[in-house]
Protein backbone atom coordinates (compact mmCIF):
# COMPACT_ATOMS: atom_id res chain seq x y z
CA UNK A 1 13.39 -21.38 -1.24
CA UNK A 2 10.57 -21.32 -3.83
CA UNK A 3 13.10 -20.82 -6.62
CA UNK A 4 15.12 -23.81 -5.37
CA UNK A 5 11.97 -25.97 -5.38
CA UNK A 6 11.00 -24.96 -8.93
CA UNK A 7 14.55 -25.55 -10.17
CA UNK A 8 14.56 -28.96 -8.44
CA UNK A 9 11.35 -30.03 -10.21
CA UNK A 10 12.82 -28.92 -13.55
CA UNK A 11 15.98 -30.89 -12.70
CA UNK A 12 13.92 -33.98 -11.87
CA UNK A 13 12.14 -33.80 -15.23
CA UNK A 14 15.41 -33.54 -17.16
CA UNK A 15 16.93 -36.42 -15.20
CA UNK A 16 13.77 -38.48 -15.78
CA UNK A 17 14.03 -38.06 -19.56
CA UNK A 18 17.74 -38.86 -19.46
CA UNK A 19 17.22 -41.98 -17.32
CA UNK A 20 14.54 -43.35 -19.65
CA UNK A 21 16.71 -42.83 -22.75
CA UNK A 22 19.91 -44.14 -21.16
CA UNK A 23 18.17 -47.24 -19.82
CA UNK A 24 16.83 -48.14 -23.27
CA UNK A 25 20.32 -47.80 -24.74
CA UNK A 26 22.14 -49.63 -21.92
CA UNK A 27 19.85 -52.67 -22.10
CA UNK A 28 20.81 -53.14 -25.75
CA UNK A 29 24.46 -53.63 -24.84
CA UNK A 30 26.14 -56.84 -23.69
CA UNK A 31 26.06 -57.17 -19.85
CA UNK A 32 29.25 -56.09 -18.06
CA UNK A 33 30.60 -56.27 -14.51
CA UNK A 34 29.62 -53.47 -12.15
CA UNK A 35 32.79 -51.38 -12.58
CA UNK A 36 33.81 -52.52 -16.06
CA UNK A 37 34.65 -49.32 -18.01
CA UNK A 38 34.17 -51.12 -21.34
CA UNK A 39 30.43 -50.56 -21.00
CA UNK A 40 30.93 -46.80 -21.14
CA UNK A 41 33.27 -47.20 -24.12
CA UNK A 42 30.54 -49.07 -25.99
CA UNK A 43 27.82 -46.65 -24.93
CA UNK A 44 29.80 -43.65 -26.17
CA UNK A 45 29.35 -45.15 -29.66
CA UNK A 46 25.59 -45.45 -29.20
CA UNK A 47 23.64 -42.54 -30.70
CA UNK A 48 20.57 -43.12 -28.56
CA UNK A 49 22.66 -43.08 -25.39
CA UNK A 50 24.50 -39.93 -26.49
CA UNK A 51 21.18 -38.18 -27.12
CA UNK A 52 20.29 -38.75 -23.47
CA UNK A 53 23.08 -36.36 -22.50
CA UNK A 54 21.13 -33.36 -23.77
CA UNK A 55 18.50 -33.48 -20.99
CA UNK A 56 21.11 -34.76 -18.54
CA UNK A 57 23.37 -31.74 -19.12
CA UNK A 58 20.44 -29.38 -18.77
CA UNK A 59 19.48 -31.17 -15.56
CA UNK A 60 23.02 -30.84 -14.17
CA UNK A 61 22.99 -27.08 -14.78
CA UNK A 62 19.57 -26.72 -13.14
CA UNK A 63 20.68 -28.95 -10.26
CA UNK A 64 23.76 -26.85 -9.54
CA UNK A 65 21.65 -23.68 -9.58
CA UNK A 66 19.07 -25.23 -7.25
CA UNK A 67 21.83 -26.22 -4.81
CA UNK A 68 23.09 -22.64 -4.85
CA UNK A 69 19.71 -21.33 -3.71
CA UNK A 70 18.54 -24.18 -1.47
CA UNK A 71 19.87 -26.70 1.09
CA UNK A 72 20.57 -30.36 0.35
CA UNK A 73 17.78 -31.44 2.70
CA UNK A 74 15.28 -29.65 0.43
CA UNK A 75 16.68 -30.05 -3.09
CA UNK A 76 17.53 -33.77 -3.05
CA UNK A 77 14.15 -35.04 -1.74
CA UNK A 78 12.37 -33.03 -4.46
CA UNK A 79 14.41 -34.96 -7.04
CA UNK A 80 12.43 -38.04 -5.98
CA UNK A 81 9.71 -36.70 -8.28
CA UNK A 82 11.99 -37.69 -11.17
CA UNK A 83 10.99 -41.34 -10.64
CA UNK A 84 7.32 -40.57 -11.17
CA UNK A 85 8.12 -38.44 -14.22
CA UNK A 86 10.27 -41.27 -15.61
CA UNK A 87 7.29 -43.63 -15.38
CA UNK A 88 5.27 -41.33 -17.63
CA UNK A 89 8.21 -40.81 -20.00
CA UNK A 90 8.85 -44.57 -20.26
CA UNK A 91 5.17 -45.11 -21.16
CA UNK A 92 5.43 -42.49 -23.92
CA UNK A 93 8.61 -44.04 -25.33
CA UNK A 94 7.02 -47.51 -25.26
CA UNK A 95 3.82 -46.11 -26.82
CA UNK A 96 1.58 -47.59 -24.18
CA UNK A 97 -0.77 -46.30 -21.53
CA UNK A 98 0.39 -45.75 -17.97
CA UNK A 99 -0.24 -48.84 -15.85
CA UNK A 100 -2.82 -48.53 -13.08
CA UNK A 101 -0.25 -49.38 -10.41
CA UNK A 102 2.17 -46.80 -11.80
CA UNK A 103 -0.57 -44.15 -11.82
CA UNK A 104 -1.25 -44.95 -8.17
CA UNK A 105 2.48 -44.62 -7.43
CA UNK A 106 2.55 -41.17 -9.01
CA UNK A 107 -0.47 -39.99 -7.03
CA UNK A 108 0.71 -41.32 -3.66
CA UNK A 109 4.31 -40.20 -4.15
CA UNK A 110 3.40 -36.73 -5.38
CA UNK A 111 1.07 -36.20 -2.42
CA UNK A 112 3.81 -37.19 0.02
CA UNK A 113 6.32 -34.94 -1.70
CA UNK A 114 3.95 -31.97 -1.57
CA UNK A 115 3.38 -32.59 2.14
CA UNK A 116 7.13 -32.76 2.77
CA UNK A 117 7.68 -29.39 1.10
CA UNK A 118 4.94 -27.79 3.20
CA UNK A 119 5.96 -29.09 6.63
CA UNK A 120 9.77 -29.51 6.45
CA UNK A 121 10.73 -25.84 6.76
CA UNK A 122 14.25 -26.73 5.57
CA UNK A 123 16.98 -24.23 6.45
CA UNK A 124 20.48 -23.80 5.06
CA UNK A 125 23.65 -24.36 7.09
CA UNK A 126 27.29 -23.80 6.19
CA UNK A 127 28.29 -23.46 2.53
CA UNK A 128 31.46 -25.56 2.85
CA UNK A 129 31.96 -28.33 5.48
CA UNK A 130 35.26 -28.83 7.26
CA UNK A 131 37.88 -31.20 5.88
CA UNK A 132 37.21 -33.69 8.68
CA UNK A 133 33.51 -33.74 7.73
CA UNK A 134 34.42 -34.50 4.11
CA UNK A 135 36.71 -37.33 5.26
CA UNK A 136 33.87 -38.96 7.22
CA UNK A 137 31.49 -38.55 4.28
CA UNK A 138 34.04 -40.08 1.90
CA UNK A 139 34.88 -43.03 4.13
CA UNK A 140 31.26 -43.85 4.90
CA UNK A 141 30.14 -43.57 1.30
CA UNK A 142 33.14 -45.51 0.01
CA UNK A 143 32.54 -48.45 2.34
CA UNK A 144 28.83 -48.55 1.46
CA UNK A 145 29.42 -48.40 -2.31
CA UNK A 146 32.13 -51.07 -2.14
CA UNK A 147 29.78 -53.34 -0.19
CA UNK A 148 27.03 -52.94 -2.79
CA UNK A 149 29.41 -53.65 -5.67
CA UNK A 150 30.74 -56.82 -4.02
CA UNK A 151 27.19 -57.98 -3.28
CA UNK A 152 26.06 -57.35 -6.87
CA UNK A 153 28.56 -59.94 -8.16
CA UNK A 154 26.38 -62.69 -6.67
CA UNK A 155 23.08 -61.28 -7.94
CA UNK A 156 21.18 -61.23 -11.23
CA UNK A 157 18.22 -59.44 -12.76
CA UNK A 158 16.19 -56.75 -11.02
CA UNK A 159 17.76 -57.44 -7.61
CA UNK A 160 21.22 -56.74 -9.02
CA UNK A 161 19.89 -53.56 -10.62
CA UNK A 162 18.40 -52.45 -7.31
CA UNK A 163 21.64 -53.06 -5.36
CA UNK A 164 23.66 -51.15 -7.93
CA UNK A 165 20.97 -48.45 -7.83
CA UNK A 166 21.62 -48.06 -4.11
CA UNK A 167 25.35 -47.69 -4.78
CA UNK A 168 24.61 -45.16 -7.51
CA UNK A 169 22.28 -43.23 -5.20
CA UNK A 170 25.06 -42.96 -2.60
CA UNK A 171 27.54 -41.75 -5.21
CA UNK A 172 25.10 -39.20 -6.62
CA UNK A 173 24.26 -37.83 -3.17
CA UNK A 174 27.97 -37.29 -2.44
CA UNK A 175 28.35 -35.70 -5.88
CA UNK A 176 25.46 -33.34 -5.08
CA UNK A 177 27.14 -32.37 -1.80
CA UNK A 178 30.42 -31.68 -3.60
CA UNK A 179 28.58 -29.72 -6.30
CA UNK A 180 26.95 -27.56 -3.64
CA UNK A 181 30.36 -26.80 -2.12
CA UNK A 182 31.89 -26.07 -5.54
CA UNK A 183 29.06 -23.74 -6.55
CA UNK A 184 29.23 -22.01 -3.17
CA UNK A 185 32.93 -21.27 -3.65
CA UNK A 186 32.41 -19.60 -7.03
CA UNK A 187 32.85 -15.83 -6.65
CA UNK A 188 33.19 -14.78 -10.28
CA UNK A 189 36.61 -16.35 -10.96
CA UNK A 190 36.34 -19.85 -12.41
CA UNK A 191 40.04 -20.82 -12.28
CA UNK A 192 40.33 -21.27 -8.47
CA UNK A 193 37.18 -23.40 -8.53
CA UNK A 194 38.51 -25.69 -11.25
CA UNK A 195 41.82 -26.11 -9.41
CA UNK A 196 40.15 -26.91 -6.08
CA UNK A 197 40.23 -30.50 -4.81
CA UNK A 198 36.45 -30.47 -4.45
CA UNK A 199 35.99 -30.09 -8.20
CA UNK A 200 38.35 -33.01 -8.90
CA UNK A 201 36.51 -35.13 -6.33
CA UNK A 202 33.19 -34.15 -7.91
CA UNK A 203 34.36 -35.28 -11.36
CA UNK A 204 35.62 -38.60 -9.97
CA UNK A 205 32.49 -39.36 -7.94
CA UNK A 206 30.19 -38.34 -10.81
CA UNK A 207 32.05 -40.69 -13.17
CA UNK A 208 31.74 -43.52 -10.65
CA UNK A 209 28.01 -42.82 -10.30
CA UNK A 210 27.58 -42.81 -14.08
CA UNK A 211 29.30 -46.20 -14.45
CA UNK A 212 27.23 -47.72 -11.65
CA UNK A 213 24.05 -46.23 -13.09
CA UNK A 214 24.51 -47.66 -16.59
CA UNK A 215 25.33 -51.10 -15.19
CA UNK A 216 22.22 -50.93 -13.02
CA UNK A 217 20.12 -50.05 -16.08
CA UNK A 218 21.18 -53.32 -17.74
CA UNK A 219 19.34 -55.35 -15.09
CA UNK A 220 15.54 -55.49 -15.34
CA UNK A 221 13.09 -52.72 -16.15
CA UNK A 222 13.75 -49.07 -15.43
CA UNK A 223 11.76 -48.91 -12.20
CA UNK A 224 13.99 -51.34 -10.23
CA UNK A 225 17.33 -49.47 -10.31
CA UNK A 226 15.67 -46.04 -10.49
CA UNK A 227 13.54 -46.80 -7.44
CA UNK A 228 16.61 -47.83 -5.43
CA UNK A 229 18.51 -44.75 -6.58
CA UNK A 230 15.57 -42.45 -5.84
CA UNK A 231 15.13 -43.90 -2.37
CA UNK A 232 18.82 -43.83 -1.45
CA UNK A 233 19.81 -40.40 -2.79
CA UNK A 234 17.54 -38.19 -0.62
CA UNK A 235 18.13 -40.28 2.51
CA UNK A 236 21.92 -40.06 2.21
CA UNK A 237 21.69 -36.40 1.18
CA UNK A 238 19.66 -35.51 4.26
CA UNK A 239 22.23 -37.28 6.46
CA UNK A 240 25.10 -35.44 4.74
CA UNK A 241 23.20 -32.15 4.83
CA UNK A 242 22.44 -32.36 8.55
CA UNK A 243 25.84 -33.69 9.66
CA UNK A 244 28.34 -32.08 7.28
CA UNK A 245 26.53 -28.93 6.14
CA UNK A 246 24.73 -28.39 9.49
CA UNK A 247 21.39 -27.92 7.71
CA UNK A 248 18.14 -28.29 9.63
CA UNK A 249 14.53 -29.41 9.18
CA UNK A 250 11.76 -28.60 11.65
CA UNK A 251 10.96 -31.52 13.94
CA UNK A 252 8.78 -29.83 16.54
CA UNK A 253 5.14 -30.57 17.32
CA UNK A 254 2.79 -31.36 14.48
CA UNK A 255 5.57 -30.91 11.92
CA UNK A 256 7.22 -34.14 13.08
CA UNK A 257 3.99 -36.04 12.48
CA UNK A 258 3.63 -34.39 9.09
CA UNK A 259 7.18 -35.32 8.10
CA UNK A 260 6.57 -38.91 9.14
CA UNK A 261 3.37 -39.17 7.11
CA UNK A 262 4.95 -37.52 4.07
CA UNK A 263 7.98 -39.85 4.29
CA UNK A 264 5.71 -42.91 4.39
CA UNK A 265 3.74 -41.63 1.38
CA UNK A 266 6.92 -40.97 -0.64
CA UNK A 267 8.34 -44.42 0.19
CA UNK A 268 5.00 -46.05 -0.65
CA UNK A 269 4.95 -44.30 -4.03
CA UNK A 270 8.51 -45.38 -4.77
CA UNK A 271 7.75 -48.95 -3.67
CA UNK A 272 4.67 -49.11 -5.90
CA UNK A 273 6.70 -47.84 -8.84
CA UNK A 274 9.52 -50.30 -8.26
CA UNK A 275 7.39 -53.43 -7.76
CA UNK A 276 4.86 -52.93 -10.57
CA UNK A 277 4.81 -55.30 -13.52
CA UNK A 278 4.35 -54.48 -17.15
CA UNK A 279 0.82 -55.84 -17.05
CA UNK A 280 -1.79 -53.72 -15.37
CA UNK A 281 -3.21 -55.40 -12.31
CA UNK A 282 -7.02 -55.50 -12.22
């Protein structure tokens, strides 16, 4: 489990760098509708945006390896640390100091995350859920994403970015579940894995998440969509992990209290990061 945790932190850092770079590039493009593929066409001509794929690709490889060695209910919550890393990275790119509120968010969120890792005692379940489990995951996620996209049509600014961030978080959590199943099926022969329906579904869901993510980045500062994504992804992943993959976390005795406190701390850190302004509050 320690290896999975270390790989998850490395993944979070890579994703944080990628998110900061992609957001800077996406905001320079003309606004598009939530599922308008023309945004991706324009971004593929943007050198800054393309450079963000270097850390993103490294993060994807680390993520897949982490999912091979650890359960969804452990790996995905650790990725929440990517939000706090992104705050520091954004400050470096903007050549400014970290805002006091953002520093508080990092401290509170990191403390909650450390507490979660200590008390959760996450345990793996099955490596590949049944087809009926996948159907329920797909239907539930599809309805939720569609609802967010329809709602975003009526919204503007940071609120629109947050709603699309929720949709993106759902898509990415399903993609992580599919990636875990794909990696678990690899036994040395790559061809059967590439021909499996899970790999095709992974590619489709990942593309959908990418499109939603870049549209979310066009609305407001980085913290709004990234906060929504960071909050949604681990919650949905824990639900999928417990229901579809039959993974478990310890809920007995003092551990339940510890999980509750750590969850509140993580959510408080994410909330602080997502509601901070560019001016330090004194």
